[in-house]
């Protein structure tokens, strides 16, 4: 998976974190392509750790700024966790793992485009109005 400009939400810190998440996903994909399970597992653990911190930051900002769709956004973050758990299962075939990884990548792209850009717009409007 490669970083795309369309993933930018306009908030520098969030954009940097999104780039790091894409790098983690890319590391998983590369390790899996080499059939390197230890490296794949390590990359998944990095992604889990990083994503938890990232989601906590996003959801905290949403609470502070009274984002009206916080619950929907947080529920989508929970979907991410389900996908990660599926990637961590030990006894799946390579084909199943790659299929799950493709689903996960699709989730990521949709999540950023639909959910993250929506709260970023709310955040930017909120700060532009001097309410921060």
N, C-alpha and C. Protein backbone atom coordinates (compact mmCIF):
# COMPACT_ATOMS: atom_id res chain seq x y z
N UNK A 1 0.86 -1.17 0.00
CA UNK A 1 0.00 0.00 0.00
C UNK A 1 0.90 1.23 0.00
N UNK A 2 0.54 2.18 -0.82
CA UNK A 2 1.32 3.41 -0.90
C UNK A 2 0.49 4.60 -0.46
N UNK A 3 1.19 5.60 0.06
CA UNK A 3 0.55 6.83 0.47
C UNK A 3 0.01 7.55 -0.77
N UNK A 4 -1.18 8.10 -0.63
CA UNK A 4 -1.80 8.88 -1.70
C UNK A 4 -2.21 10.23 -1.14
N UNK A 5 -2.08 11.25 -1.94
CA UNK A 5 -2.46 12.59 -1.50
C UNK A 5 -3.93 12.66 -1.09
N UNK A 6 -4.75 11.79 -1.66
CA UNK A 6 -6.17 11.80 -1.32
C UNK A 6 -6.42 11.40 0.13
N UNK A 7 -5.41 10.85 0.81
CA UNK A 7 -5.54 10.50 2.22
C UNK A 7 -5.35 11.71 3.14
N UNK A 8 -4.88 12.83 2.60
CA UNK A 8 -4.67 14.03 3.41
C UNK A 8 -6.01 14.55 3.93
N UNK A 9 -6.03 14.91 5.22
CA UNK A 9 -7.24 15.49 5.80
C UNK A 9 -7.06 16.97 6.14
N UNK A 10 -5.84 17.48 6.04
CA UNK A 10 -5.60 18.90 6.28
C UNK A 10 -5.19 19.26 7.69
N UNK A 11 -4.97 18.26 8.52
CA UNK A 11 -4.47 18.48 9.88
C UNK A 11 -3.11 17.80 9.94
N UNK A 12 -2.05 18.60 10.05
CA UNK A 12 -0.69 18.08 9.89
C UNK A 12 -0.39 16.85 10.74
N UNK A 13 -0.67 16.89 12.02
CA UNK A 13 -0.36 15.77 12.90
C UNK A 13 -1.12 14.50 12.50
N UNK A 14 -2.39 14.66 12.17
CA UNK A 14 -3.20 13.52 11.76
C UNK A 14 -2.67 12.97 10.43
N UNK A 15 -2.34 13.86 9.52
CA UNK A 15 -1.79 13.42 8.23
C UNK A 15 -0.49 12.65 8.42
N UNK A 16 0.37 13.10 9.31
CA UNK A 16 1.62 12.39 9.58
C UNK A 16 1.34 11.00 10.18
N UNK A 17 0.39 10.94 11.07
CA UNK A 17 0.03 9.65 11.65
C UNK A 17 -0.57 8.72 10.59
N UNK A 18 -1.39 9.27 9.73
CA UNK A 18 -1.96 8.45 8.64
C UNK A 18 -0.85 7.91 7.74
N UNK A 19 0.15 8.73 7.46
CA UNK A 19 1.29 8.25 6.65
C UNK A 19 1.99 7.09 7.35
N UNK A 20 2.15 7.19 8.66
CA UNK A 20 2.80 6.11 9.42
C UNK A 20 1.95 4.84 9.38
N UNK A 21 0.64 4.99 9.45
CA UNK A 21 -0.24 3.81 9.38
C UNK A 21 -0.12 3.15 8.01
N UNK A 22 -0.09 3.94 6.96
CA UNK A 22 0.08 3.39 5.61
C UNK A 22 1.42 2.66 5.50
N UNK A 23 2.47 3.21 6.11
CA UNK A 23 3.78 2.54 6.11
C UNK A 23 3.70 1.21 6.84
N UNK A 24 2.98 1.16 7.95
CA UNK A 24 2.80 -0.11 8.67
C UNK A 24 2.07 -1.13 7.81
N UNK A 25 1.01 -0.71 7.15
CA UNK A 25 0.25 -1.62 6.29
C UNK A 25 1.13 -2.12 5.16
N UNK A 26 1.94 -1.22 4.60
CA UNK A 26 2.87 -1.61 3.53
C UNK A 26 3.89 -2.63 4.04
N UNK A 27 4.38 -2.45 5.26
CA UNK A 27 5.33 -3.39 5.85
C UNK A 27 4.70 -4.77 6.01
N UNK A 28 3.44 -4.80 6.43
CA UNK A 28 2.73 -6.08 6.56
C UNK A 28 2.64 -6.76 5.21
N UNK A 29 2.24 -5.99 4.21
CA UNK A 29 2.07 -6.55 2.87
C UNK A 29 3.39 -7.08 2.31
N UNK A 30 4.47 -6.33 2.49
CA UNK A 30 5.78 -6.77 1.99
C UNK A 30 6.27 -8.03 2.70
N UNK A 31 6.12 -8.05 4.02
CA UNK A 31 6.56 -9.24 4.77
C UNK A 31 5.73 -10.46 4.39
N UNK A 32 4.43 -10.26 4.21
CA UNK A 32 3.56 -11.38 3.83
C UNK A 32 3.91 -11.89 2.44
N UNK A 33 4.29 -10.98 1.54
CA UNK A 33 4.66 -11.40 0.18
C UNK A 33 5.93 -12.26 0.20
N UNK A 34 6.77 -12.05 1.21
CA UNK A 34 7.99 -12.86 1.35
C UNK A 34 7.73 -14.13 2.17
N UNK A 35 6.49 -14.32 2.60
CA UNK A 35 6.12 -15.46 3.46
C UNK A 35 6.94 -15.45 4.75
N UNK A 36 7.19 -14.26 5.25
CA UNK A 36 7.99 -14.06 6.46
C UNK A 36 7.04 -13.79 7.62
N UNK A 37 6.57 -14.85 8.25
CA UNK A 37 5.58 -14.72 9.31
C UNK A 37 6.09 -13.92 10.50
N UNK A 38 7.34 -14.11 10.98
CA UNK A 38 7.80 -13.29 12.11
C UNK A 38 7.79 -11.78 11.81
N UNK A 39 8.23 -11.40 10.61
CA UNK A 39 8.22 -9.98 10.24
C UNK A 39 6.79 -9.47 10.06
N UNK A 40 5.94 -10.32 9.51
CA UNK A 40 4.53 -9.95 9.35
C UNK A 40 3.90 -9.70 10.72
N UNK A 41 4.13 -10.63 11.65
CA UNK A 41 3.57 -10.48 12.99
C UNK A 41 4.09 -9.22 13.68
N UNK A 42 5.39 -8.95 13.53
CA UNK A 42 5.98 -7.76 14.14
C UNK A 42 5.37 -6.49 13.55
N UNK A 43 5.14 -6.48 12.24
CA UNK A 43 4.54 -5.31 11.59
C UNK A 43 3.10 -5.11 12.04
N UNK A 44 2.38 -6.21 12.24
CA UNK A 44 1.00 -6.11 12.73
C UNK A 44 0.98 -5.55 14.15
N UNK A 45 1.90 -6.00 15.00
CA UNK A 45 1.97 -5.48 16.36
C UNK A 45 2.27 -3.98 16.35
N UNK A 46 3.19 -3.55 15.49
CA UNK A 46 3.47 -2.11 15.37
C UNK A 46 2.22 -1.35 14.95
N UNK A 47 1.50 -1.91 14.00
CA UNK A 47 0.28 -1.25 13.54
C UNK A 47 -0.76 -1.18 14.65
N UNK A 48 -0.93 -2.26 15.38
CA UNK A 48 -1.90 -2.27 16.49
C UNK A 48 -1.54 -1.17 17.50
N UNK A 49 -0.30 -1.13 17.91
CA UNK A 49 0.14 -0.14 18.91
C UNK A 49 -0.05 1.28 18.39
N UNK A 50 0.37 1.52 17.17
CA UNK A 50 0.28 2.86 16.61
C UNK A 50 -1.17 3.27 16.41
N UNK A 51 -1.97 2.36 15.90
CA UNK A 51 -3.37 2.67 15.62
C UNK A 51 -4.14 2.98 16.91
N UNK A 52 -3.86 2.25 17.98
CA UNK A 52 -4.55 2.51 19.24
C UNK A 52 -4.28 3.94 19.72
N UNK A 53 -3.04 4.37 19.64
CA UNK A 53 -2.69 5.73 20.05
C UNK A 53 -3.35 6.76 19.12
N UNK A 54 -3.31 6.46 17.83
CA UNK A 54 -3.90 7.37 16.84
C UNK A 54 -5.41 7.51 17.05
N UNK A 55 -6.09 6.39 17.24
CA UNK A 55 -7.53 6.44 17.43
C UNK A 55 -7.90 7.16 18.72
N UNK A 56 -7.10 6.97 19.76
CA UNK A 56 -7.35 7.66 21.03
C UNK A 56 -7.24 9.18 20.83
N UNK A 57 -6.23 9.60 20.07
CA UNK A 57 -6.07 11.03 19.79
C UNK A 57 -7.26 11.56 19.00
N UNK A 58 -7.63 10.86 17.92
CA UNK A 58 -8.76 11.31 17.11
C UNK A 58 -10.03 11.42 17.95
N UNK A 59 -10.32 10.40 18.72
CA UNK A 59 -11.56 10.39 19.49
C UNK A 59 -11.54 11.44 20.60
N UNK A 60 -10.36 11.72 21.16
CA UNK A 60 -10.25 12.79 22.15
C UNK A 60 -10.54 14.15 21.52
N UNK A 61 -9.97 14.38 20.35
CA UNK A 61 -10.25 15.64 19.64
C UNK A 61 -11.74 15.77 19.35
N UNK A 62 -12.35 14.68 18.95
CA UNK A 62 -13.78 14.71 18.64
C UNK A 62 -14.61 15.05 19.86
N UNK A 63 -14.23 14.51 21.02
CA UNK A 63 -14.96 14.82 22.26
C UNK A 63 -14.79 16.30 22.62
N UNK A 64 -13.56 16.77 22.55
CA UNK A 64 -13.27 18.16 22.90
C UNK A 64 -14.04 19.12 22.00
N UNK A 65 -14.14 18.78 20.72
CA UNK A 65 -14.77 19.67 19.75
C UNK A 65 -16.24 19.33 19.48
N UNK A 66 -16.81 18.49 20.34
CA UNK A 66 -18.23 18.13 20.22
C UNK A 66 -18.60 17.66 18.82
N UNK A 67 -17.77 16.78 18.27
CA UNK A 67 -18.06 16.25 16.93
C UNK A 67 -19.33 15.41 17.00
N UNK A 68 -20.34 15.75 16.20
CA UNK A 68 -21.64 15.07 16.33
C UNK A 68 -21.66 13.60 15.89
N UNK A 69 -20.65 13.16 15.14
CA UNK A 69 -20.66 11.78 14.66
C UNK A 69 -19.57 10.93 15.34
N UNK A 70 -19.23 11.31 16.55
CA UNK A 70 -18.19 10.60 17.30
C UNK A 70 -18.51 9.11 17.44
N UNK A 71 -19.71 8.78 17.82
CA UNK A 71 -20.06 7.37 18.05
C UNK A 71 -19.90 6.54 16.77
N UNK A 72 -20.34 7.08 15.65
CA UNK A 72 -20.21 6.39 14.37
C UNK A 72 -18.74 6.20 14.02
N UNK A 73 -17.96 7.23 14.24
CA UNK A 73 -16.53 7.17 13.93
C UNK A 73 -15.83 6.14 14.82
N UNK A 74 -16.13 6.19 16.11
CA UNK A 74 -15.52 5.23 17.05
C UNK A 74 -15.92 3.79 16.69
N UNK A 75 -17.16 3.61 16.25
CA UNK A 75 -17.60 2.27 15.85
C UNK A 75 -16.79 1.79 14.64
N UNK A 76 -16.46 2.70 13.74
CA UNK A 76 -15.65 2.32 12.60
C UNK A 76 -14.23 1.96 13.03
N UNK A 77 -13.71 2.64 14.05
CA UNK A 77 -12.41 2.27 14.60
C UNK A 77 -12.45 0.84 15.16
N UNK A 78 -13.57 0.47 15.75
CA UNK A 78 -13.71 -0.89 16.29
C UNK A 78 -13.66 -1.93 15.16
N UNK A 79 -14.20 -1.58 13.99
CA UNK A 79 -14.10 -2.48 12.83
C UNK A 79 -12.64 -2.75 12.49
N UNK A 80 -11.83 -1.71 12.57
CA UNK A 80 -10.40 -1.83 12.32
C UNK A 80 -9.81 -2.88 13.25
N UNK A 81 -10.19 -2.83 14.51
CA UNK A 81 -9.68 -3.79 15.49
C UNK A 81 -10.08 -5.21 15.12
N UNK A 82 -11.29 -5.39 14.63
CA UNK A 82 -11.75 -6.72 14.21
C UNK A 82 -10.89 -7.21 13.05
N UNK A 83 -10.61 -6.34 12.09
CA UNK A 83 -9.77 -6.72 10.96
C UNK A 83 -8.36 -7.09 11.42
N UNK A 84 -7.84 -6.35 12.38
CA UNK A 84 -6.50 -6.66 12.89
C UNK A 84 -6.47 -8.00 13.60
N UNK A 85 -7.50 -8.29 14.35
CA UNK A 85 -7.58 -9.59 15.02
C UNK A 85 -7.59 -10.70 13.98
N UNK A 86 -8.33 -10.50 12.91
CA UNK A 86 -8.38 -11.50 11.84
C UNK A 86 -7.01 -11.69 11.20
N UNK A 87 -6.24 -10.60 11.06
CA UNK A 87 -4.89 -10.71 10.49
C UNK A 87 -3.94 -11.45 11.43
N UNK A 88 -4.21 -11.41 12.72
CA UNK A 88 -3.32 -12.03 13.68
C UNK A 88 -3.60 -13.52 13.90
N UNK A 89 -4.66 -14.04 13.33
CA UNK A 89 -4.96 -15.46 13.51
C UNK A 89 -3.80 -16.29 12.98
N UNK A 90 -3.42 -17.28 13.72
CA UNK A 90 -2.23 -18.07 13.42
C UNK A 90 -2.43 -19.12 12.32
N UNK A 91 -3.56 -19.72 12.28
CA UNK A 91 -3.73 -20.87 11.40
C UNK A 91 -4.66 -20.56 10.23
N UNK A 92 -4.23 -19.63 9.41
CA UNK A 92 -4.98 -19.33 8.18
C UNK A 92 -4.04 -19.56 7.01
N UNK A 93 -4.63 -19.88 5.89
CA UNK A 93 -3.80 -20.08 4.70
C UNK A 93 -3.28 -18.74 4.20
N UNK A 94 -2.28 -18.78 3.38
CA UNK A 94 -1.72 -17.57 2.80
C UNK A 94 -2.77 -16.83 1.99
N UNK A 95 -3.58 -17.56 1.23
CA UNK A 95 -4.62 -16.92 0.43
C UNK A 95 -5.63 -16.19 1.30
N UNK A 96 -6.03 -16.82 2.39
CA UNK A 96 -6.98 -16.19 3.30
C UNK A 96 -6.36 -14.93 3.92
N UNK A 97 -5.10 -15.03 4.33
CA UNK A 97 -4.43 -13.87 4.92
C UNK A 97 -4.40 -12.72 3.92
N UNK A 98 -4.00 -12.99 2.68
CA UNK A 98 -3.91 -11.94 1.66
C UNK A 98 -5.29 -11.35 1.36
N UNK A 99 -6.31 -12.18 1.36
CA UNK A 99 -7.67 -11.69 1.16
C UNK A 99 -8.07 -10.75 2.30
N UNK A 100 -7.76 -11.14 3.53
CA UNK A 100 -8.08 -10.29 4.68
C UNK A 100 -7.31 -8.98 4.62
N UNK A 101 -6.07 -9.04 4.16
CA UNK A 101 -5.27 -7.83 4.03
C UNK A 101 -5.87 -6.89 2.99
N UNK A 102 -6.37 -7.43 1.90
CA UNK A 102 -7.01 -6.61 0.87
C UNK A 102 -8.27 -5.94 1.44
N UNK A 103 -9.06 -6.68 2.20
CA UNK A 103 -10.26 -6.12 2.82
C UNK A 103 -9.86 -4.98 3.77
N UNK A 104 -8.81 -5.23 4.54
CA UNK A 104 -8.31 -4.24 5.49
C UNK A 104 -7.88 -2.96 4.77
N UNK A 105 -7.15 -3.09 3.68
CA UNK A 105 -6.70 -1.93 2.92
C UNK A 105 -7.90 -1.15 2.37
N UNK A 106 -8.92 -1.85 1.92
CA UNK A 106 -10.12 -1.19 1.45
C UNK A 106 -10.82 -0.42 2.56
N UNK A 107 -10.85 -1.04 3.74
CA UNK A 107 -11.44 -0.36 4.90
C UNK A 107 -10.69 0.94 5.17
N UNK A 108 -9.37 0.87 5.16
CA UNK A 108 -8.55 2.04 5.46
C UNK A 108 -8.88 3.19 4.52
N UNK A 109 -8.86 2.93 3.23
CA UNK A 109 -9.11 3.99 2.25
C UNK A 109 -10.50 4.60 2.44
N UNK A 110 -11.49 3.76 2.66
CA UNK A 110 -12.86 4.24 2.86
C UNK A 110 -12.97 5.03 4.16
N UNK A 111 -12.35 4.55 5.22
CA UNK A 111 -12.42 5.22 6.51
C UNK A 111 -11.85 6.63 6.42
N UNK A 112 -10.70 6.79 5.82
CA UNK A 112 -10.09 8.12 5.72
C UNK A 112 -10.97 9.04 4.87
N UNK A 113 -11.42 8.54 3.72
CA UNK A 113 -12.21 9.36 2.83
C UNK A 113 -13.56 9.76 3.42
N UNK A 114 -14.22 8.85 4.09
CA UNK A 114 -15.56 9.11 4.61
C UNK A 114 -15.54 9.72 6.01
N UNK A 115 -14.88 9.06 6.93
CA UNK A 115 -14.96 9.46 8.33
C UNK A 115 -13.93 10.52 8.72
N UNK A 116 -12.68 10.29 8.40
CA UNK A 116 -11.64 11.22 8.85
C UNK A 116 -11.77 12.59 8.19
N UNK A 117 -12.08 12.62 6.93
CA UNK A 117 -12.23 13.93 6.27
C UNK A 117 -13.43 14.69 6.84
N UNK A 118 -14.45 13.98 7.26
CA UNK A 118 -15.61 14.62 7.85
C UNK A 118 -15.27 15.29 9.18
N UNK A 119 -14.58 14.55 10.06
CA UNK A 119 -14.25 15.18 11.35
C UNK A 119 -13.19 16.25 11.17
N UNK A 120 -12.28 16.09 10.20
CA UNK A 120 -11.26 17.11 9.95
C UNK A 120 -11.91 18.42 9.53
N UNK A 121 -12.92 18.34 8.68
CA UNK A 121 -13.64 19.54 8.25
C UNK A 121 -14.30 20.20 9.46
N UNK A 122 -14.92 19.40 10.32
CA UNK A 122 -15.54 19.92 11.55
C UNK A 122 -14.48 20.61 12.41
N UNK A 123 -13.34 19.95 12.59
CA UNK A 123 -12.25 20.49 13.40
C UNK A 123 -11.75 21.81 12.82
N UNK A 124 -11.51 21.83 11.51
CA UNK A 124 -10.99 23.06 10.88
C UNK A 124 -12.00 24.20 10.94
N UNK A 125 -13.27 23.91 10.79
CA UNK A 125 -14.30 24.96 10.92
C UNK A 125 -14.34 25.48 12.36
N UNK A 126 -14.27 24.56 13.31
CA UNK A 126 -14.32 24.90 14.73
C UNK A 126 -13.17 25.84 15.09
N UNK A 127 -11.97 25.48 14.65
CA UNK A 127 -10.80 26.32 14.99
C UNK A 127 -10.82 27.63 14.21
N UNK A 128 -11.35 27.64 12.99
CA UNK A 128 -11.43 28.87 12.20
C UNK A 128 -12.37 29.88 12.86
N UNK A 129 -13.36 29.37 13.57
CA UNK A 129 -14.32 30.25 14.25
C UNK A 129 -13.78 30.75 15.59
N UNK A 130 -12.57 30.34 15.95
CA UNK A 130 -11.94 30.80 17.18
C UNK A 130 -12.51 30.17 18.43
N UNK A 131 -13.06 28.97 18.30
CA UNK A 131 -13.65 28.29 19.47
C UNK A 131 -12.67 27.42 20.20
N UNK A 132 -11.44 27.30 19.71
CA UNK A 132 -10.48 26.40 20.36
C UNK A 132 -9.86 27.04 21.57
